[in-house]
Amino acid sequence: MTTPPVSFFAASDKVPWVERRPGVFWKTLWENADGRHKAVLIRYTPGSVIARHRHIGDEQIWVLEGEVADDTGVCTAGNYARRPPGCVHTVTSRDGALVFAVISGPTEPA
């Protein structure tokens, strides 16, 4: 008999913020053993920029605070955006933001 999987709860207050790019900090809440699938909180400081890149996997974001912008437009607090595989963009946050992201693959410079 196989034991069914159980719920996972992240103690987010115990997970450190890691600066992934200047002014962009990640708090990884969950990561699959393959390293490709993960759920993260992303904190953008005012004026931060993520340089132009291409998504190899899917990325879905929910903006919790502030706003982030890319080549397509601005995603404000309470709104959702999806970056499908192959999407190429630059991300900026003029005044800073807190974003929850579900990611299914890496990115590469574009």
PDB file of N, CA and C in Angstrom:
ATOM      1  N   MET A   1       0.842  -1.176   0.000  1.00  0.00           N
ATOM      2  CA  MET A   1       0.000   0.000   0.000  1.00  0.00           C
ATOM      3  C   MET A   1       0.893   1.247   0.000  1.00  0.00           C
ATOM      4  N   THR A   2       0.556   2.212  -0.821  1.00  0.00           N
ATOM      5  CA  THR A   2       1.324   3.436  -0.955  1.00  0.00           C
ATOM      6  C   THR A   2       0.751   4.519  -0.046  1.00  0.00           C
ATOM      7  N   THR A   3       1.630   5.245   0.603  1.00  0.00           N
ATOM      8  CA  THR A   3       1.197   6.357   1.440  1.00  0.00           C
ATOM      9  C   THR A   3       0.934   7.558   0.547  1.00  0.00           C
ATOM     10  N   PRO A   4      -0.245   8.171   0.640  1.00  0.00           N
ATOM     11  CA  PRO A   4      -0.540   9.329  -0.210  1.00  0.00           C
ATOM     12  C   PRO A   4       0.293  10.541   0.205  1.00  0.00           C
ATOM     13  N   PRO A   5       0.540  11.443  -0.733  1.00  0.00           N
ATOM     14  CA  PRO A   5       1.277  12.660  -0.374  1.00  0.00           C
ATOM     15  C   PRO A   5       0.459  13.492   0.607  1.00  0.00           C
ATOM     16  N   VAL A   6       1.141  14.330   1.333  1.00  0.00           N
ATOM     17  CA  VAL A   6       0.479  15.191   2.311  1.00  0.00           C
ATOM     18  C   VAL A   6       0.723  16.655   1.951  1.00  0.00           C
ATOM     19  N   SER A   7      -0.052  17.526   2.562  1.00  0.00           N
ATOM     20  CA  SER A   7       0.114  18.965   2.345  1.00  0.00           C
ATOM     21  C   SER A   7       1.485  19.413   2.815  1.00  0.00           C
ATOM     22  N   PHE A   8       1.985  20.447   2.170  1.00  0.00           N
ATOM     23  CA  PHE A   8       3.248  21.068   2.573  1.00  0.00           C
ATOM     24  C   PHE A   8       2.946  22.498   2.994  1.00  0.00           C
ATOM     25  N   PHE A   9       3.439  22.896   4.138  1.00  0.00           N
ATOM     26  CA  PHE A   9       3.283  24.262   4.616  1.00  0.00           C
ATOM     27  C   PHE A   9       4.673  24.880   4.753  1.00  0.00           C
ATOM     28  N   ALA A  10       4.884  26.013   4.119  1.00  0.00           N
ATOM     29  CA  ALA A  10       6.173  26.703   4.206  1.00  0.00           C
ATOM     30  C   ALA A  10       6.149  27.661   5.384  1.00  0.00           C
ATOM     31  N   ALA A  11       7.140  27.580   6.232  1.00  0.00           N
ATOM     32  CA  ALA A  11       7.308  28.543   7.322  1.00  0.00           C
ATOM     33  C   ALA A  11       8.076  29.730   6.731  1.00  0.00           C
ATOM     34  N   SER A  12       7.376  30.578   6.008  1.00  0.00           N
ATOM     35  CA  SER A  12       8.026  31.625   5.220  1.00  0.00           C
ATOM     36  C   SER A  12       8.832  32.596   6.077  1.00  0.00           C
ATOM     37  N   ASP A  13       8.468  32.752   7.342  1.00  0.00           N
ATOM     38  CA  ASP A  13       9.236  33.644   8.202  1.00  0.00           C
ATOM     39  C   ASP A  13      10.625  33.077   8.518  1.00  0.00           C
ATOM     40  N   LYS A  14      10.816  31.791   8.289  1.00  0.00           N
ATOM     41  CA  LYS A  14      12.110  31.158   8.549  1.00  0.00           C
ATOM     42  C   LYS A  14      12.965  31.019   7.279  1.00  0.00           C
ATOM     43  N   VAL A  15      12.385  31.337   6.125  1.00  0.00           N
ATOM     44  CA  VAL A  15      13.107  31.232   4.850  1.00  0.00           C
ATOM     45  C   VAL A  15      13.788  32.578   4.581  1.00  0.00           C
ATOM     46  N   PRO A  16      15.091  32.582   4.321  1.00  0.00           N
ATOM     47  CA  PRO A  16      15.789  33.848   4.102  1.00  0.00           C
ATOM     48  C   PRO A  16      15.497  34.457   2.729  1.00  0.00           C
ATOM     49  N   TRP A  17      15.588  35.775   2.662  1.00  0.00           N
ATOM     50  CA  TRP A  17      15.563  36.474   1.379  1.00  0.00           C
ATOM     51  C   TRP A  17      16.957  36.368   0.773  1.00  0.00           C
ATOM     52  N   VAL A  18      17.036  36.025  -0.502  1.00  0.00           N
ATOM     53  CA  VAL A  18      18.312  35.889  -1.208  1.00  0.00           C
ATOM     54  C   VAL A  18      18.296  36.861  -2.382  1.00  0.00           C
ATOM     55  N   GLU A  19      19.311  37.706  -2.469  1.00  0.00           N
ATOM     56  CA  GLU A  19      19.387  38.663  -3.576  1.00  0.00           C
ATOM     57  C   GLU A  19      19.834  37.924  -4.832  1.00  0.00           C
ATOM     58  N   ARG A  20      18.914  37.767  -5.774  1.00  0.00           N
ATOM     59  CA  ARG A  20      19.190  37.032  -7.017  1.00  0.00           C
ATOM     60  C   ARG A  20      19.780  37.938  -8.091  1.00  0.00           C
ATOM     61  N   ARG A  21      19.360  39.181  -8.083  1.00  0.00           N
ATOM     62  CA  ARG A  21      19.863  40.215  -8.982  1.00  0.00           C
ATOM     63  C   ARG A  21      19.870  41.496  -8.155  1.00  0.00           C
ATOM     64  N   PRO A  22      20.617  42.515  -8.563  1.00  0.00           N
ATOM     65  CA  PRO A  22      20.628  43.746  -7.757  1.00  0.00           C
ATOM     66  C   PRO A  22      19.204  44.276  -7.521  1.00  0.00           C
ATOM     67  N   GLY A  23      18.835  44.366  -6.249  1.00  0.00           N
ATOM     68  CA  GLY A  23      17.522  44.897  -5.887  1.00  0.00           C
ATOM     69  C   GLY A  23      16.361  43.933  -6.034  1.00  0.00           C
ATOM     70  N   VAL A  24      16.629  42.675  -6.398  1.00  0.00           N
ATOM     71  CA  VAL A  24      15.568  41.668  -6.571  1.00  0.00           C
ATOM     72  C   VAL A  24      15.891  40.486  -5.657  1.00  0.00           C
ATOM     73  N   PHE A  25      15.024  40.260  -4.682  1.00  0.00           N
ATOM     74  CA  PHE A  25      15.242  39.244  -3.656  1.00  0.00           C
ATOM     75  C   PHE A  25      14.206  38.141  -3.784  1.00  0.00           C
ATOM     76  N   TRP A  26      14.641  36.895  -3.629  1.00  0.00           N
ATOM     77  CA  TRP A  26      13.757  35.721  -3.685  1.00  0.00           C
ATOM     78  C   TRP A  26      13.706  35.049  -2.334  1.00  0.00           C
ATOM     79  N   LYS A  27      12.521  34.561  -2.009  1.00  0.00           N
ATOM     80  CA  LYS A  27      12.308  33.705  -0.847  1.00  0.00           C
ATOM     81  C   LYS A  27      11.656  32.450  -1.416  1.00  0.00           C
ATOM     82  N   THR A  28      12.429  31.373  -1.559  1.00  0.00           N
ATOM     83  CA  THR A  28      11.901  30.145  -2.155  1.00  0.00           C
ATOM     84  C   THR A  28      11.076  29.392  -1.114  1.00  0.00           C
ATOM     85  N   LEU A  29       9.778  29.287  -1.375  1.00  0.00           N
ATOM     86  CA  LEU A  29       8.856  28.638  -0.447  1.00  0.00           C
ATOM     87  C   LEU A  29       8.804  27.133  -0.656  1.00  0.00           C
ATOM     88  N   TRP A  30       8.958  26.709  -1.906  1.00  0.00           N
ATOM     89  CA  TRP A  30       8.918  25.288  -2.256  1.00  0.00           C
ATOM     90  C   TRP A  30       9.690  25.108  -3.549  1.00  0.00           C
ATOM     91  N   GLU A  31      10.424  23.991  -3.642  1.00  0.00           N
ATOM     92  CA  GLU A  31      11.127  23.651  -4.876  1.00  0.00           C
ATOM     93  C   GLU A  31      11.097  22.142  -5.046  1.00  0.00           C
ATOM     94  N   ASN A  32      10.688  21.693  -6.233  1.00  0.00           N
ATOM     95  CA  ASN A  32      10.651  20.280  -6.550  1.00  0.00           C
ATOM     96  C   ASN A  32      12.084  19.752  -6.660  1.00  0.00           C
ATOM     97  N   ALA A  33      12.237  18.465  -6.516  1.00  0.00           N
ATOM     98  CA  ALA A  33      13.561  17.844  -6.596  1.00  0.00           C
ATOM     99  C   ALA A  33      14.247  18.117  -7.933  1.00  0.00           C
ATOM    100  N   ASP A  34      13.471  18.368  -8.998  1.00  0.00           N
ATOM    101  CA  ASP A  34      14.072  18.630 -10.312  1.00  0.00           C
ATOM    102  C   ASP A  34      14.682  20.026 -10.408  1.00  0.00           C
ATOM    103  N   GLY A  35      14.411  20.891  -9.419  1.00  0.00           N
ATOM    104  CA  GLY A  35      14.962  22.239  -9.418  1.00  0.00           C
ATOM    105  C   GLY A  35      14.302  23.186 -10.399  1.00  0.00           C
ATOM    106  N   ARG A  36      13.397  22.701 -11.210  1.00  0.00           N
ATOM    107  CA  ARG A  36      12.739  23.530 -12.227  1.00  0.00           C
ATOM    108  C   ARG A  36      11.420  24.104 -11.731  1.00  0.00           C
ATOM    109  N   HIS A  37      10.712  23.361 -10.930  1.00  0.00           N
ATOM    110  CA  HIS A  37       9.397  23.770 -10.450  1.00  0.00           C
ATOM    111  C   HIS A  37       9.527  24.343  -9.052  1.00  0.00           C
ATOM    112  N   LYS A  38       8.996  25.563  -8.862  1.00  0.00           N
ATOM    113  CA  LYS A  38       9.134  26.197  -7.555  1.00  0.00           C
ATOM    114  C   LYS A  38       8.055  27.249  -7.344  1.00  0.00           C
ATOM    115  N   ALA A  39       7.873  27.589  -6.088  1.00  0.00           N
ATOM    116  CA  ALA A  39       6.990  28.684  -5.683  1.00  0.00           C
ATOM    117  C   ALA A  39       7.854  29.654  -4.889  1.00  0.00           C
ATOM    118  N   VAL A  40       7.836  30.923  -5.280  1.00  0.00           N
ATOM    119  CA  VAL A  40       8.706  31.906  -4.637  1.00  0.00           C
ATOM    120  C   VAL A  40       7.973  33.221  -4.384  1.00  0.00           C
ATOM    121  N   LEU A  41       8.415  33.902  -3.350  1.00  0.00           N
ATOM    122  CA  LEU A  41       8.062  35.303  -3.167  1.00  0.00           C
ATOM    123  C   LEU A  41       9.206  36.103  -3.753  1.00  0.00           C
ATOM    124  N   ILE A  42       8.898  37.143  -4.483  1.00  0.00           N
ATOM    125  CA  ILE A  42       9.923  37.997  -5.080  1.00  0.00           C
ATOM    126  C   ILE A  42       9.683  39.420  -4.592  1.00  0.00           C
ATOM    127  N   ARG A  43      10.720  39.997  -3.989  1.00  0.00           N
ATOM    128  CA  ARG A  43      10.654  41.380  -3.510  1.00  0.00           C
ATOM    129  C   ARG A  43      11.508  42.238  -4.438  1.00  0.00           C
ATOM    130  N   TYR A  44      10.871  43.219  -5.075  1.00  0.00           N
ATOM    131  CA  TYR A  44      11.562  44.170  -5.938  1.00  0.00           C
ATOM    132  C   TYR A  44      11.742  45.470  -5.161  1.00  0.00           C
ATOM    133  N   THR A  45      12.960  45.975  -5.085  1.00  0.00           N
ATOM    134  CA  THR A  45      13.173  47.285  -4.475  1.00  0.00           C
ATOM    135  C   THR A  45      12.848  48.351  -5.523  1.00  0.00           C
ATOM    136  N   PRO A  46      12.532  49.564  -5.092  1.00  0.00           N
ATOM    137  CA  PRO A  46      12.220  50.621  -6.058  1.00  0.00           C
ATOM    138  C   PRO A  46      13.335  50.794  -7.093  1.00  0.00           C
ATOM    139  N   GLY A  47      12.935  50.853  -8.350  1.00  0.00           N
ATOM    140  CA  GLY A  47      13.874  51.054  -9.452  1.00  0.00           C
ATOM    141  C   GLY A  47      14.592  49.803  -9.922  1.00  0.00           C
ATOM    142  N   SER A  48      14.251  48.655  -9.372  1.00  0.00           N
ATOM    143  CA  SER A  48      14.957  47.421  -9.770  1.00  0.00           C
ATOM    144  C   SER A  48      14.585  46.982 -11.177  1.00  0.00           C
ATOM    145  N   VAL A  49      15.537  46.279 -11.794  1.00  0.00           N
ATOM    146  CA  VAL A  49      15.374  45.816 -13.175  1.00  0.00           C
ATOM    147  C   VAL A  49      15.888  44.385 -13.278  1.00  0.00           C
ATOM    148  N   ILE A  50      15.129  43.535 -13.953  1.00  0.00           N
ATOM    149  CA  ILE A  50      15.623  42.216 -14.348  1.00  0.00           C
ATOM    150  C   ILE A  50      15.877  42.316 -15.846  1.00  0.00           C
ATOM    151  N   ALA A  51      17.142  42.160 -16.233  1.00  0.00           N
ATOM    152  CA  ALA A  51      17.560  42.330 -17.625  1.00  0.00           C
ATOM    153  C   ALA A  51      16.778  41.411 -18.569  1.00  0.00           C
ATOM    154  N   ARG A  52      16.766  41.789 -19.813  1.00  0.00           N
ATOM    155  CA  ARG A  52      16.042  41.053 -20.854  1.00  0.00           C
ATOM    156  C   ARG A  52      16.415  39.571 -20.810  1.00  0.00           C
ATOM    157  N   HIS A  53      15.384  38.725 -20.815  1.00  0.00           N
ATOM    158  CA  HIS A  53      15.590  37.280 -20.722  1.00  0.00           C
ATOM    159  C   HIS A  53      14.442  36.540 -21.403  1.00  0.00           C
ATOM    160  N   ARG A  54      14.667  35.267 -21.651  1.00  0.00           N
ATOM    161  CA  ARG A  54      13.677  34.386 -22.297  1.00  0.00           C
ATOM    162  C   ARG A  54      13.289  33.305 -21.300  1.00  0.00           C
ATOM    163  N   HIS A  55      11.988  33.060 -21.211  1.00  0.00           N
ATOM    164  CA  HIS A  55      11.501  31.991 -20.341  1.00  0.00           C
ATOM    165  C   HIS A  55      11.552  30.654 -21.076  1.00  0.00           C
ATOM    166  N   ILE A  56      12.221  29.692 -20.469  1.00  0.00           N
ATOM    167  CA  ILE A  56      12.271  28.331 -21.005  1.00  0.00           C
ATOM    168  C   ILE A  56      11.035  27.576 -20.524  1.00  0.00           C
ATOM    169  N   GLY A  57      10.657  27.821 -19.292  1.00  0.00           N
ATOM    170  CA  GLY A  57       9.441  27.240 -18.724  1.00  0.00           C
ATOM    171  C   GLY A  57       8.406  28.324 -18.504  1.00  0.00           C
ATOM    172  N   ASP A  58       7.312  27.935 -17.896  1.00  0.00           N
ATOM    173  CA  ASP A  58       6.198  28.825 -17.624  1.00  0.00           C
ATOM    174  C   ASP A  58       6.441  29.585 -16.319  1.00  0.00           C
ATOM    175  N   GLU A  59       5.986  30.822 -16.248  1.00  0.00           N
ATOM    176  CA  GLU A  59       6.000  31.578 -14.993  1.00  0.00           C
ATOM    177  C   GLU A  59       4.661  32.267 -14.845  1.00  0.00           C
ATOM    178  N   GLN A  60       4.056  32.096 -13.670  1.00  0.00           N
ATOM    179  CA  GLN A  60       2.803  32.763 -13.355  1.00  0.00           C
ATOM    180  C   GLN A  60       3.035  33.609 -12.122  1.00  0.00           C
ATOM    181  N   ILE A  61       2.580  34.863 -12.163  1.00  0.00           N
ATOM    182  CA  ILE A  61       2.786  35.749 -11.023  1.00  0.00           C
ATOM    183  C   ILE A  61       1.468  36.339 -10.545  1.00  0.00           C
ATOM    184  N   TRP A  62       1.438  36.620  -9.241  1.00  0.00           N
ATOM    185  CA  TRP A  62       0.347  37.340  -8.610  1.00  0.00           C
ATOM    186  C   TRP A  62       1.016  38.474  -7.837  1.00  0.00           C
ATOM    187  N   VAL A  63       0.693  39.721  -8.199  1.00  0.00           N
ATOM    188  CA  VAL A  63       1.303  40.865  -7.544  1.00  0.00           C
ATOM    189  C   VAL A  63       0.542  41.147  -6.249  1.00  0.00           C
ATOM    190  N   LEU A  64       1.252  41.034  -5.129  1.00  0.00           N
ATOM    191  CA  LEU A  64       0.645  41.234  -3.813  1.00  0.00           C
ATOM    192  C   LEU A  64       0.700  42.697  -3.372  1.00  0.00           C
ATOM    193  N   GLU A  65       1.804  43.361  -3.679  1.00  0.00           N
ATOM    194  CA  GLU A  65       1.992  44.776  -3.337  1.00  0.00           C
ATOM    195  C   GLU A  65       2.739  45.454  -4.472  1.00  0.00           C
ATOM    196  N   GLY A  66       2.445  46.716  -4.709  1.00  0.00           N
ATOM    197  CA  GLY A  66       3.174  47.495  -5.701  1.00  0.00           C
ATOM    198  C   GLY A  66       2.814  47.111  -7.125  1.00  0.00           C
ATOM    199  N   GLU A  67       3.804  47.203  -8.004  1.00  0.00           N
ATOM    200  CA  GLU A  67       3.578  46.854  -9.412  1.00  0.00           C
ATOM    201  C   GLU A  67       4.885  46.494 -10.091  1.00  0.00           C
ATOM    202  N   VAL A  68       4.764  45.614 -11.093  1.00  0.00           N
ATOM    203  CA  VAL A  68       5.893  45.274 -11.954  1.00  0.00           C
ATOM    204  C   VAL A  68       5.455  45.516 -13.394  1.00  0.00           C
ATOM    205  N   ALA A  69       6.421  45.879 -14.222  1.00  0.00           N
ATOM    206  CA  ALA A  69       6.130  46.177 -15.624  1.00  0.00           C
ATOM    207  C   ALA A  69       7.075  45.387 -16.514  1.00  0.00           C
ATOM    208  N   ASP A  70       6.598  45.088 -17.727  1.00  0.00           N
ATOM    209  CA  ASP A  70       7.457  44.501 -18.744  1.00  0.00           C
ATOM    210  C   ASP A  70       7.060  45.074 -20.095  1.00  0.00           C
ATOM    211  N   ASP A  71       7.535  44.462 -21.162  1.00  0.00           N
ATOM    212  CA  ASP A  71       7.304  44.966 -22.514  1.00  0.00           C
ATOM    213  C   ASP A  71       5.813  45.047 -22.866  1.00  0.00           C
ATOM    214  N   THR A  72       4.989  44.258 -22.193  1.00  0.00           N
ATOM    215  CA  THR A  72       3.559  44.191 -22.507  1.00  0.00           C
ATOM    216  C   THR A  72       2.743  45.210 -21.737  1.00  0.00           C
ATOM    217  N   GLY A  73       3.179  45.553 -20.518  1.00  0.00           N
ATOM    218  CA  GLY A  73       2.419  46.497 -19.716  1.00  0.00           C
ATOM    219  C   GLY A  73       2.778  46.402 -18.247  1.00  0.00           C
ATOM    220  N   VAL A  74       1.847  46.889 -17.411  1.00  0.00           N
ATOM    221  CA  VAL A  74       2.065  46.961 -15.972  1.00  0.00           C
ATOM    222  C   VAL A  74       1.085  46.029 -15.277  1.00  0.00           C
ATOM    223  N   CYS A  75       1.600  45.246 -14.323  1.00  0.00           N
ATOM    224  CA  CYS A  75       0.759  44.366 -13.512  1.00  0.00           C
ATOM    225  C   CYS A  75       0.757  44.946 -12.098  1.00  0.00           C
ATOM    226  N   THR A  76      -0.411  45.386 -11.638  1.00  0.00           N
ATOM    227  CA  THR A  76      -0.542  46.050 -10.350  1.00  0.00           C
ATOM    228  C   THR A  76      -1.029  45.087  -9.274  1.00  0.00           C
ATOM    229  N   ALA A  77      -0.966  45.535  -8.027  1.00  0.00           N
ATOM    230  CA  ALA A  77      -1.370  44.725  -6.880  1.00  0.00           C
ATOM    231  C   ALA A  77      -2.764  44.143  -7.081  1.00  0.00           C
ATOM    232  N   GLY A  78      -2.878  42.847  -6.791  1.00  0.00           N
ATOM    233  CA  GLY A  78      -4.148  42.145  -6.939  1.00  0.00           C
ATOM    234  C   GLY A  78      -4.351  41.518  -8.296  1.00  0.00           C
ATOM    235  N   ASN A  79      -3.378  41.687  -9.196  1.00  0.00           N
ATOM    236  CA  ASN A  79      -3.528  41.172 -10.553  1.00  0.00           C
ATOM    237  C   ASN A  79      -2.508  40.084 -10.873  1.00  0.00           C
ATOM    238  N   TYR A  80      -2.814  39.352 -11.937  1.00  0.00           N
ATOM    239  CA  TYR A  80      -2.093  38.141 -12.344  1.00  0.00           C
ATOM    240  C   TYR A  80      -1.496  38.343 -13.729  1.00  0.00           C
ATOM    241  N   ALA A  81      -0.334  37.743 -13.956  1.00  0.00           N
ATOM    242  CA  ALA A  81       0.269  37.717 -15.294  1.00  0.00           C
ATOM    243  C   ALA A  81       0.920  36.360 -15.508  1.00  0.00           C
ATOM    244  N   ARG A  82       0.980  35.949 -16.756  1.00  0.00           N
ATOM    245  CA  ARG A  82       1.628  34.691 -17.125  1.00  0.00           C
ATOM    246  C   ARG A  82       2.681  34.976 -18.174  1.00  0.00           C
ATOM    247  N   ARG A  83       3.847  34.374 -17.974  1.00  0.00           N
ATOM    248  CA  ARG A  83       4.933  34.447 -18.961  1.00  0.00           C
ATOM    249  C   ARG A  83       5.124  33.045 -19.505  1.00  0.00           C
ATOM    250  N   PRO A  84       4.573  32.751 -20.688  1.00  0.00           N
ATOM    251  CA  PRO A  84       4.660  31.390 -21.237  1.00  0.00           C
ATOM    252  C   PRO A  84       6.066  31.075 -21.742  1.00  0.00           C
ATOM    253  N   PRO A  85       6.367  29.799 -21.920  1.00  0.00           N
ATOM    254  CA  PRO A  85       7.662  29.433 -22.494  1.00  0.00           C
ATOM    255  C   PRO A  85       7.898  30.191 -23.799  1.00  0.00           C
ATOM    256  N   GLY A  86       9.103  30.747 -23.952  1.00  0.00           N
ATOM    257  CA  GLY A  86       9.452  31.524 -25.134  1.00  0.00           C
ATOM    258  C   GLY A  86       9.264  33.015 -24.959  1.00  0.00           C
ATOM    259  N   CYS A  87       8.554  33.447 -23.917  1.00  0.00           N
ATOM    260  CA  CYS A  87       8.329  34.866 -23.655  1.00  0.00           C
ATOM    261  C   CYS A  87       9.667  35.558 -23.421  1.00  0.00           C
ATOM    262  N   VAL A  88       9.881  36.683 -24.102  1.00  0.00           N
ATOM    263  CA  VAL A  88      11.103  37.479 -23.935  1.00  0.00           C
ATOM    264  C   VAL A  88      10.691  38.855 -23.419  1.00  0.00           C
ATOM    265  N   HIS A  89      11.302  39.286 -22.321  1.00  0.00           N
ATOM    266  CA  HIS A  89      10.944  40.592 -21.762  1.00  0.00           C
ATOM    267  C   HIS A  89      12.004  41.066 -20.770  1.00  0.00           C
ATOM    268  N   THR A  90      11.874  42.335 -20.400  1.00  0.00           N
ATOM    269  CA  THR A  90      12.630  42.961 -19.327  1.00  0.00           C
ATOM    270  C   THR A  90      11.611  43.323 -18.257  1.00  0.00           C
ATOM    271  N   VAL A  91      11.935  43.087 -16.996  1.00  0.00           N
ATOM    272  CA  VAL A  91      11.011  43.391 -15.905  1.00  0.00           C
ATOM    273  C   VAL A  91      11.567  44.556 -15.095  1.00  0.00           C
ATOM    274  N   THR A  92      10.695  45.518 -14.767  1.00  0.00           N
ATOM    275  CA  THR A  92      11.070  46.654 -13.934  1.00  0.00           C
ATOM    276  C   THR A  92      10.025  46.857 -12.841  1.00  0.00           C
ATOM    277  N   SER A  93      10.446  47.527 -11.788  1.00  0.00           N
ATOM    278  CA  SER A  93       9.512  47.926 -10.738  1.00  0.00           C
ATOM    279  C   SER A  93       9.902  49.326 -10.279  1.00  0.00           C
ATOM    280  N   ARG A  94       9.137  50.297 -10.706  1.00  0.00           N
ATOM    281  CA  ARG A  94       9.457  51.694 -10.422  1.00  0.00           C
ATOM    282  C   ARG A  94       9.471  51.991  -8.919  1.00  0.00           C
ATOM    283  N   ASP A  95       8.418  51.552  -8.213  1.00  0.00           N
ATOM    284  CA  ASP A  95       8.274  51.876  -6.791  1.00  0.00           C
ATOM    285  C   ASP A  95       8.454  50.680  -5.869  1.00  0.00           C
ATOM    286  N   GLY A  96       8.814  49.511  -6.426  1.00  0.00           N
ATOM    287  CA  GLY A  96       8.971  48.299  -5.640  1.00  0.00           C
ATOM    288  C   GLY A  96       7.714  47.453  -5.673  1.00  0.00           C
ATOM    289  N   ALA A  97       7.869  46.170  -5.333  1.00  0.00           N
ATOM    290  CA  ALA A  97       6.729  45.247  -5.382  1.00  0.00           C
ATOM    291  C   ALA A  97       7.034  43.989  -4.587  1.00  0.00           C
ATOM    292  N   LEU A  98       5.954  43.296  -4.230  1.00  0.00           N
ATOM    293  CA  LEU A  98       6.038  41.957  -3.663  1.00  0.00           C
ATOM    294  C   LEU A  98       5.168  41.073  -4.551  1.00  0.00           C
ATOM    295  N   VAL A  99       5.768  39.996  -5.070  1.00  0.00           N
ATOM    296  CA  VAL A  99       5.111  39.137  -6.053  1.00  0.00           C
ATOM    297  C   VAL A  99       5.216  37.681  -5.602  1.00  0.00           C
ATOM    298  N   PHE A 100       4.142  36.930  -5.775  1.00  0.00           N
ATOM    299  CA  PHE A 100       4.175  35.483  -5.594  1.00  0.00           C
ATOM    300  C   PHE A 100       4.265  34.874  -6.986  1.00  0.00           C
ATOM    301  N   ALA A 101       5.226  33.974  -7.207  1.00  0.00           N
ATOM    302  CA  ALA A 101       5.425  33.373  -8.532  1.00  0.00           C
ATOM    303  C   ALA A 101       5.468  31.854  -8.437  1.00  0.00           C
ATOM    304  N   VAL A 102       4.856  31.207  -9.428  1.00  0.00           N
ATOM    305  CA  VAL A 102       4.940  29.764  -9.610  1.00  0.00           C
ATOM    306  C   VAL A 102       5.685  29.554 -10.924  1.00  0.00           C
ATOM    307  N   ILE A 103       6.810  28.853 -10.847  1.00  0.00           N
ATOM    308  CA  ILE A 103       7.744  28.755 -11.966  1.00  0.00           C
ATOM    309  C   ILE A 103       7.940  27.288 -12.346  1.00  0.00           C
ATOM    310  N   SER A 104       7.966  27.021 -13.659  1.00  0.00           N
ATOM    311  CA  SER A 104       8.148  25.635 -14.110  1.00  0.00           C
ATOM    312  C   SER A 104       9.360  25.452 -15.015  1.00  0.00           C
ATOM    313  N   GLY A 105      10.311  26.368 -14.933  1.00  0.00           N
ATOM    314  CA  GLY A 105      11.518  26.216 -15.732  1.00  0.00           C
ATOM    315  C   GLY A 105      12.401  27.436 -15.627  1.00  0.00           C
ATOM    316  N   PRO A 106      13.611  27.346 -16.123  1.00  0.00           N
ATOM    317  CA  PRO A 106      14.570  28.439 -15.998  1.00  0.00           C
ATOM    318  C   PRO A 106      14.341  29.532 -17.034  1.00  0.00           C
ATOM    319  N   THR A 107      15.216  30.530 -16.958  1.00  0.00           N
ATOM    320  CA  THR A 107      15.278  31.569 -17.987  1.00  0.00           C
ATOM    321  C   THR A 107      16.692  31.582 -18.538  1.00  0.00           C
ATOM    322  N   GLU A 108      16.868  32.288 -19.661  1.00  0.00           N
ATOM    323  CA  GLU A 108      18.191  32.477 -20.241  1.00  0.00           C
ATOM    324  C   GLU A 108      18.285  33.904 -20.758  1.00  0.00           C
ATOM    325  N   PRO A 109      19.484  34.480 -20.798  1.00  0.00           N
ATOM    326  CA  PRO A 109      19.630  35.839 -21.330  1.00  0.00           C
ATOM    327  C   PRO A 109      19.132  35.910 -22.777  1.00  0.00           C
ATOM    328  N   ALA A 110      18.536  37.038 -23.109  1.00  0.00           N
ATOM    329  CA  ALA A 110      18.046  37.213 -24.493  1.00  0.00           C
ATOM    330  C   ALA A 110      18.705  38.420 -25.127  1.00  0.00           C
TER     331      ALA A 110
END
